[in-house]
Amino acid sequence: MVSIQVAGEALVDIYNSQAHPGGSPLNVAVGLGRLGHEVELSTEVGSDEHGQLIVEHLKASGVKLSEGSVSQSPTSTATVVLDGCANASYEFELNCTMGQLALNDAQLLHTGSIAAFRSPSAQQIIELFAARPAGQLRSYDPNLRPALVENRAQAIGNVEKLCSLAHVVKLSDEDAMWLYPGWDTDRVLEHLLNLGASLAVMTFGARGCEARTRHCEVAVASRSVRTVDTIGAGDAFMAGLLHAIATGDLAQNLLAGEKLDRGQLEAALELATACAGMTVARAGANPPTLEELQSFMAKTIA
């Protein structure tokens, strides 16, 4: 498997009066850890009860916490509110300055969400991406939370800078609507490629996803499952996509700036939608293990 560094916030989602480990970067790290990769999460958590819950959650999924990630500040929280369609929204209390962020020699570096667009953590993450070693694949998921944006122009600047430094950029249709109001999917994906991404992917929830490179376009439908809630669905998609890229030929093609095989890209998106579908079919941000994913894929193929 592949060595992976994930940088960004870790927090606890509070819903039904219970605390559950969450945060987009943490969810992606857990998803990749459960899929068998050697994952290290660079983040900031407190030494409090919530922080300990996160540490234990990471350990259970085989994810290492980077040195210096435990601080004296309270662990960040996000109170989850579900609407009538089981879609999640969040109310945040954040403490994530990423004061000890340092690059390691991982084969893949991923970031996204709140820490990647808010100061001062965004500047540190951008510096981390800019200091990339040769041969490292980089990915980014904006996963925006508009209510937390303090300066729109600055946030968009941070997003676009990370897009320019990443090989793979995945965003939701909601991200796209906030970033580029009035733009259609084609224009958004083309813009991401023009910024510097080699593979641009947009997800549409129950309507599936679309990916674009300089040479091809691929659209894949979502999995038909009974939805319990959508918490962590996009993060599970991201973990599944990176797993498929990292364990096949796509990673080397992206690093070398080569044309991606359309069939391999479609298969990667199918696997990503499977991870998302399995996650929405059960409560909370609970991405599948490699064994669960393989079993699910075997049944759907059969």
Protein backbone atom coordinates (compact mmCIF):
# COMPACT_ATOMS: atom_id res chain seq x y z
CA MET A 1 0.00 0.00 0.00
CA VAL A 2 0.95 3.69 -0.07
CA SER A 3 2.31 6.10 2.56
CA ILE A 4 0.02 9.11 2.91
CA GLN A 5 0.12 12.37 4.86
CA VAL A 6 -3.17 14.18 5.48
CA ALA A 7 -3.08 17.75 6.83
CA GLY A 8 -6.06 19.60 8.27
CA GLU A 9 -8.58 19.83 11.06
CA ALA A 10 -9.78 17.07 13.35
CA LEU A 11 -12.83 17.67 15.51
CA VAL A 12 -15.80 15.95 17.07
CA ASP A 13 -19.21 15.97 15.41
CA ILE A 14 -21.91 16.26 18.04
CA TYR A 15 -25.27 14.80 17.03
CA ASN A 16 -27.99 13.05 18.98
CA SER A 17 -26.20 14.47 22.06
CA GLN A 18 -23.18 12.25 21.38
CA ALA A 19 -19.65 13.13 20.26
CA HIS A 20 -18.17 11.37 17.23
CA PRO A 21 -14.72 11.97 15.68
CA GLY A 22 -14.97 13.99 12.49
CA GLY A 23 -13.62 16.76 10.32
CA SER A 24 -13.04 16.28 6.60
CA PRO A 25 -9.26 15.67 6.72
CA LEU A 26 -9.65 13.25 9.64
CA ASN A 27 -12.42 11.40 7.78
CA VAL A 28 -10.26 11.06 4.68
CA ALA A 29 -7.33 9.84 6.78
CA VAL A 30 -9.54 7.25 8.49
CA GLY A 31 -11.00 6.17 5.16
CA LEU A 32 -7.52 5.63 3.72
CA GLY A 33 -6.32 3.89 6.88
CA ARG A 34 -9.22 1.45 6.73
CA LEU A 35 -8.35 0.76 3.10
CA GLY A 36 -4.94 -0.44 4.23
CA HIS A 37 -2.66 2.54 3.65
CA GLU A 38 0.08 3.86 5.94
CA VAL A 39 -1.52 7.16 6.97
CA GLU A 40 -0.32 10.00 9.18
CA LEU A 41 -2.64 12.87 10.14
CA SER A 42 -1.10 16.28 10.81
CA THR A 43 -3.67 18.22 12.80
CA GLU A 44 -4.44 19.86 16.16
CA VAL A 45 -6.49 18.32 18.95
CA GLY A 46 -6.73 19.08 22.65
CA SER A 47 -5.64 16.90 25.52
CA ASP A 48 -9.27 16.84 26.67
CA GLU A 49 -11.89 14.08 26.49
CA HIS A 50 -12.82 14.92 22.91
CA GLY A 51 -9.17 14.87 21.88
CA GLN A 52 -8.70 11.45 23.45
CA LEU A 53 -11.75 10.20 21.56
CA ILE A 54 -10.12 11.32 18.31
CA VAL A 55 -6.77 9.72 19.19
CA GLU A 56 -8.45 6.38 19.92
CA HIS A 57 -10.53 6.60 16.72
CA LEU A 58 -7.44 7.19 14.61
CA LYS A 59 -5.58 4.35 16.27
CA ALA A 60 -8.47 1.95 15.66
CA SER A 61 -8.31 2.75 11.93
CA GLY A 62 -4.52 2.44 11.71
CA VAL A 63 -3.85 6.18 11.39
CA LYS A 64 -0.82 7.72 13.09
CA LEU A 65 -1.10 11.16 14.67
CA SER A 66 1.80 13.45 13.73
CA GLU A 67 4.12 14.60 16.49
CA GLY A 68 3.03 17.96 17.93
CA SER A 69 -0.64 17.51 16.98
CA VAL A 70 -1.85 17.56 20.61
CA SER A 71 -2.14 21.11 22.03
CA GLN A 72 -3.50 22.75 25.17
CA SER A 73 -6.44 24.30 23.30
CA PRO A 74 -9.87 22.66 23.50
CA THR A 75 -10.64 20.20 20.74
CA SER A 76 -12.74 21.70 17.93
CA THR A 77 -16.41 20.73 17.70
CA ALA A 78 -19.13 20.70 15.05
CA THR A 79 -22.74 20.32 16.11
CA VAL A 80 -24.60 18.39 13.40
CA VAL A 81 -28.12 19.34 12.32
CA LEU A 82 -29.97 17.01 9.93
CA ASP A 83 -32.79 18.27 7.68
CA GLY A 84 -35.82 16.27 6.58
CA CYS A 85 -33.80 14.58 3.83
CA ALA A 86 -31.01 13.51 6.22
CA ASN A 87 -28.62 16.12 4.83
CA ALA A 88 -26.18 17.47 7.41
CA SER A 89 -25.32 21.07 8.31
CA TYR A 90 -22.90 22.15 11.06
CA GLU A 91 -22.36 24.74 13.79
CA PHE A 92 -18.64 25.02 14.60
CA GLU A 93 -16.40 25.98 17.51
CA LEU A 94 -12.86 25.83 16.16
CA ASN A 95 -9.36 25.71 17.61
CA CYS A 96 -7.01 24.68 14.81
CA THR A 97 -3.93 26.80 14.09
CA MET A 98 -1.77 23.89 12.84
CA GLY A 99 1.23 25.28 14.69
CA GLN A 100 3.40 22.13 14.33
CA LEU A 101 2.81 21.36 10.64
CA ALA A 102 5.80 19.67 8.98
CA LEU A 103 6.32 17.77 5.75
CA ASN A 104 7.17 14.07 5.81
CA ASP A 105 8.30 11.74 3.02
CA ALA A 106 4.85 10.34 2.21
CA GLN A 107 4.08 9.29 -1.35
CA LEU A 108 0.78 11.20 -1.27
CA LEU A 109 -0.15 14.46 0.46
CA HIS A 110 -3.81 15.43 0.93
CA THR A 111 -5.56 18.42 2.47
CA GLY A 112 -8.91 20.13 2.45
CA SER A 113 -11.74 21.95 4.17
CA ILE A 114 -11.60 24.48 6.99
CA ALA A 115 -7.90 24.52 7.91
CA ALA A 116 -7.03 24.93 4.24
CA PHE A 117 -8.96 28.19 3.73
CA ARG A 118 -8.81 29.94 7.13
CA SER A 119 -5.83 31.84 8.51
CA PRO A 120 -3.28 31.08 9.82
CA SER A 121 -3.52 27.36 9.03
CA ALA A 122 -4.19 27.92 5.32
CA GLN A 123 -0.85 29.69 4.83
CA GLN A 124 0.98 26.84 6.56
CA ILE A 125 -0.75 24.22 4.42
CA ILE A 126 0.01 26.16 1.25
CA GLU A 127 3.67 26.31 2.29
CA LEU A 128 3.58 22.57 2.92
CA PHE A 129 2.25 21.94 -0.59
CA ALA A 130 4.74 24.37 -2.15
CA ALA A 131 7.65 22.52 -0.48
CA ARG A 132 6.59 19.25 -2.10
CA PRO A 133 9.34 16.68 -2.74
CA ALA A 134 9.83 15.28 -6.21
CA GLY A 135 7.61 12.29 -6.88
CA GLN A 136 4.91 13.15 -4.32
CA LEU A 137 1.30 13.07 -5.48
CA ARG A 138 -0.90 15.83 -4.02
CA SER A 139 -4.68 16.10 -3.69
CA TYR A 140 -7.11 18.71 -2.43
CA ASP A 141 -10.81 18.89 -1.54
CA PRO A 142 -12.07 22.43 -0.78
CA ASN A 143 -15.09 21.09 1.18
CA LEU A 144 -16.03 24.65 2.05
CA ARG A 145 -18.05 25.83 5.01
CA PRO A 146 -19.27 29.29 3.86
CA ALA A 147 -20.45 30.27 7.35
CA LEU A 148 -16.80 30.09 8.49
CA VAL A 149 -15.40 32.25 5.70
CA GLU A 150 -14.09 35.49 7.20
CA ASN A 151 -12.80 37.04 3.95
CA ARG A 152 -14.29 35.71 0.72
CA ALA A 153 -11.55 36.98 -1.61
CA GLN A 154 -8.81 35.60 0.63
CA ALA A 155 -10.57 32.24 0.97
CA ILE A 156 -10.97 31.90 -2.80
CA GLY A 157 -7.31 32.86 -3.21
CA ASN A 158 -6.29 30.09 -0.80
CA VAL A 159 -8.52 27.58 -2.59
CA GLU A 160 -7.14 28.45 -6.01
CA LYS A 161 -3.54 28.41 -4.80
CA LEU A 162 -3.98 24.86 -3.48
CA CYS A 163 -5.70 23.87 -6.73
CA SER A 164 -2.60 25.08 -8.57
CA LEU A 165 -0.36 22.92 -6.36
CA ALA A 166 -2.44 19.72 -6.45
CA HIS A 167 -2.58 16.97 -9.06
CA VAL A 168 -6.10 15.93 -8.02
CA VAL A 169 -8.85 18.36 -7.04
CA LYS A 170 -12.29 17.13 -5.95
CA LEU A 171 -15.10 19.52 -5.06
CA SER A 172 -18.85 19.27 -4.57
CA ASP A 173 -21.46 21.08 -6.62
CA GLU A 174 -22.17 23.15 -3.49
CA ASP A 175 -18.51 24.18 -3.33
CA ALA A 176 -18.65 25.16 -6.99
CA MET A 177 -21.79 27.26 -6.55
CA TRP A 178 -20.17 29.22 -3.73
CA LEU A 179 -16.81 29.65 -5.44
CA TYR A 180 -18.11 30.44 -8.92
CA PRO A 181 -21.78 31.52 -8.87
CA GLY A 182 -23.50 31.06 -12.22
CA TRP A 183 -20.82 28.82 -13.70
CA ASP A 184 -21.82 25.45 -15.13
CA THR A 185 -19.93 22.21 -14.45
CA ASP A 186 -17.88 22.38 -17.66
CA ARG A 187 -16.63 25.87 -16.90
CA VAL A 188 -15.73 25.03 -13.29
CA LEU A 189 -13.81 21.87 -14.16
CA GLU A 190 -12.02 23.61 -17.03
CA HIS A 191 -11.04 26.42 -14.66
CA LEU A 192 -9.56 23.95 -12.16
CA LEU A 193 -7.49 22.40 -14.94
CA ASN A 194 -6.34 25.85 -16.05
CA LEU A 195 -5.27 26.60 -12.47
CA GLY A 196 -2.94 23.60 -12.61
CA ALA A 197 -4.84 20.48 -11.53
CA SER A 198 -4.33 17.42 -13.72
CA LEU A 199 -7.59 15.73 -12.67
CA ALA A 200 -10.67 17.73 -11.67
CA VAL A 201 -13.69 15.98 -10.16
CA MET A 202 -17.09 17.34 -9.15
CA THR A 203 -19.59 15.38 -7.05
CA PHE A 204 -23.35 15.89 -7.15
CA GLY A 205 -24.56 13.86 -4.17
CA ALA A 206 -27.22 11.40 -5.29
CA ARG A 207 -26.61 12.37 -8.92
CA GLY A 208 -23.09 10.93 -9.06
CA CYS A 209 -19.92 12.64 -10.22
CA GLU A 210 -18.05 13.96 -13.24
CA ALA A 211 -14.30 14.04 -13.85
CA ARG A 212 -12.23 15.84 -16.43
CA THR A 213 -8.64 15.84 -17.62
CA ARG A 214 -7.08 17.57 -20.60
CA HIS A 215 -7.89 14.49 -22.69
CA CYS A 216 -11.16 13.02 -21.48
CA GLU A 217 -14.39 13.42 -19.53
CA VAL A 218 -16.03 10.69 -17.43
CA ALA A 219 -19.38 10.70 -15.63
CA VAL A 220 -20.42 8.01 -13.12
CA ALA A 221 -23.77 7.56 -11.40
CA SER A 222 -24.07 7.28 -7.63
CA ARG A 223 -24.86 3.96 -5.93
CA SER A 224 -28.51 3.23 -5.19
CA VAL A 225 -28.63 2.75 -1.42
CA ARG A 226 -30.99 3.51 1.43
CA THR A 227 -29.66 6.73 2.95
CA VAL A 228 -29.29 6.92 6.71
CA ASP A 229 -27.41 10.25 6.62
CA THR A 230 -24.87 12.00 4.40
CA ILE A 231 -22.26 12.67 7.10
CA GLY A 232 -18.79 11.95 5.72
CA ALA A 233 -20.01 10.87 2.28
CA GLY A 234 -17.78 13.26 0.34
CA ASP A 235 -14.79 12.32 2.48
CA ALA A 236 -15.42 8.61 1.87
CA PHE A 237 -15.59 9.38 -1.86
CA MET A 238 -12.26 11.20 -1.63
CA ALA A 239 -10.61 8.32 0.26
CA GLY A 240 -11.92 5.81 -2.26
CA LEU A 241 -10.75 7.89 -5.19
CA LEU A 242 -7.26 8.34 -3.75
CA HIS A 243 -7.07 4.63 -2.93
CA ALA A 244 -7.92 3.73 -6.51
CA ILE A 245 -5.46 6.26 -7.93
CA ALA A 246 -2.61 5.33 -5.60
CA THR A 247 -2.88 1.57 -6.09
CA GLY A 248 -3.04 1.64 -9.89
CA ASP A 249 -1.34 3.25 -12.86
CA LEU A 250 -3.14 6.57 -12.46
CA ALA A 251 -0.75 7.87 -9.79
CA GLN A 252 2.32 7.51 -11.99
CA ASN A 253 0.45 8.92 -14.98
CA LEU A 254 -0.51 12.00 -12.97
CA LEU A 255 3.02 12.49 -11.66
CA ALA A 256 4.48 12.16 -15.16
CA GLY A 257 1.87 14.44 -16.73
CA GLU A 258 0.73 11.61 -18.98
CA LYS A 259 -2.68 10.95 -20.48
CA LEU A 260 -4.95 9.02 -18.11
CA ASP A 261 -6.61 5.84 -19.29
CA ARG A 262 -10.35 6.49 -19.51
CA GLY A 263 -11.29 2.99 -18.34
CA GLN A 264 -9.01 3.19 -15.30
CA LEU A 265 -10.39 6.62 -14.39
CA GLU A 266 -13.96 5.37 -14.68
CA ALA A 267 -13.11 2.38 -12.47
CA ALA A 268 -11.57 4.72 -9.88
CA LEU A 269 -14.73 6.83 -9.81
CA GLU A 270 -16.89 3.70 -9.50
CA LEU A 271 -14.88 2.65 -6.46
CA ALA A 272 -15.15 6.15 -4.99
CA THR A 273 -18.94 6.16 -5.39
CA ALA A 274 -19.05 2.72 -3.75
CA CYS A 275 -17.22 4.09 -0.69
CA ALA A 276 -19.62 7.04 -0.53
CA GLY A 277 -22.66 4.81 -0.97
CA MET A 278 -21.56 2.45 1.79
CA THR A 279 -21.03 5.43 4.09
CA VAL A 280 -24.44 7.07 3.56
CA ALA A 281 -26.10 3.69 4.14
CA ARG A 282 -24.96 3.71 7.79
CA ALA A 283 -24.95 6.34 10.50
CA GLY A 284 -22.18 8.92 10.78
CA ALA A 285 -18.80 9.24 9.10
CA ASN A 286 -18.12 5.50 8.97
CA PRO A 287 -16.20 4.65 5.77
CA PRO A 288 -15.66 1.02 4.73
CA THR A 289 -12.67 -1.19 5.38
CA LEU A 290 -10.86 -2.74 2.43
CA GLU A 291 -12.54 -6.09 3.09
CA GLU A 292 -15.99 -4.47 3.21
CA LEU A 293 -15.32 -2.54 0.01
CA GLN A 294 -14.05 -5.61 -1.85
CA SER A 295 -17.11 -7.59 -0.77
CA PHE A 296 -19.44 -4.78 -1.86
CA MET A 297 -17.73 -4.43 -5.24
CA ALA A 298 -17.82 -8.19 -5.83
CA LYS A 299 -21.58 -8.27 -5.16
CA THR A 300 -22.31 -5.33 -7.43
CA ILE A 301 -20.22 -6.78 -10.25
CA ALA A 302 -21.91 -10.17 -9.84
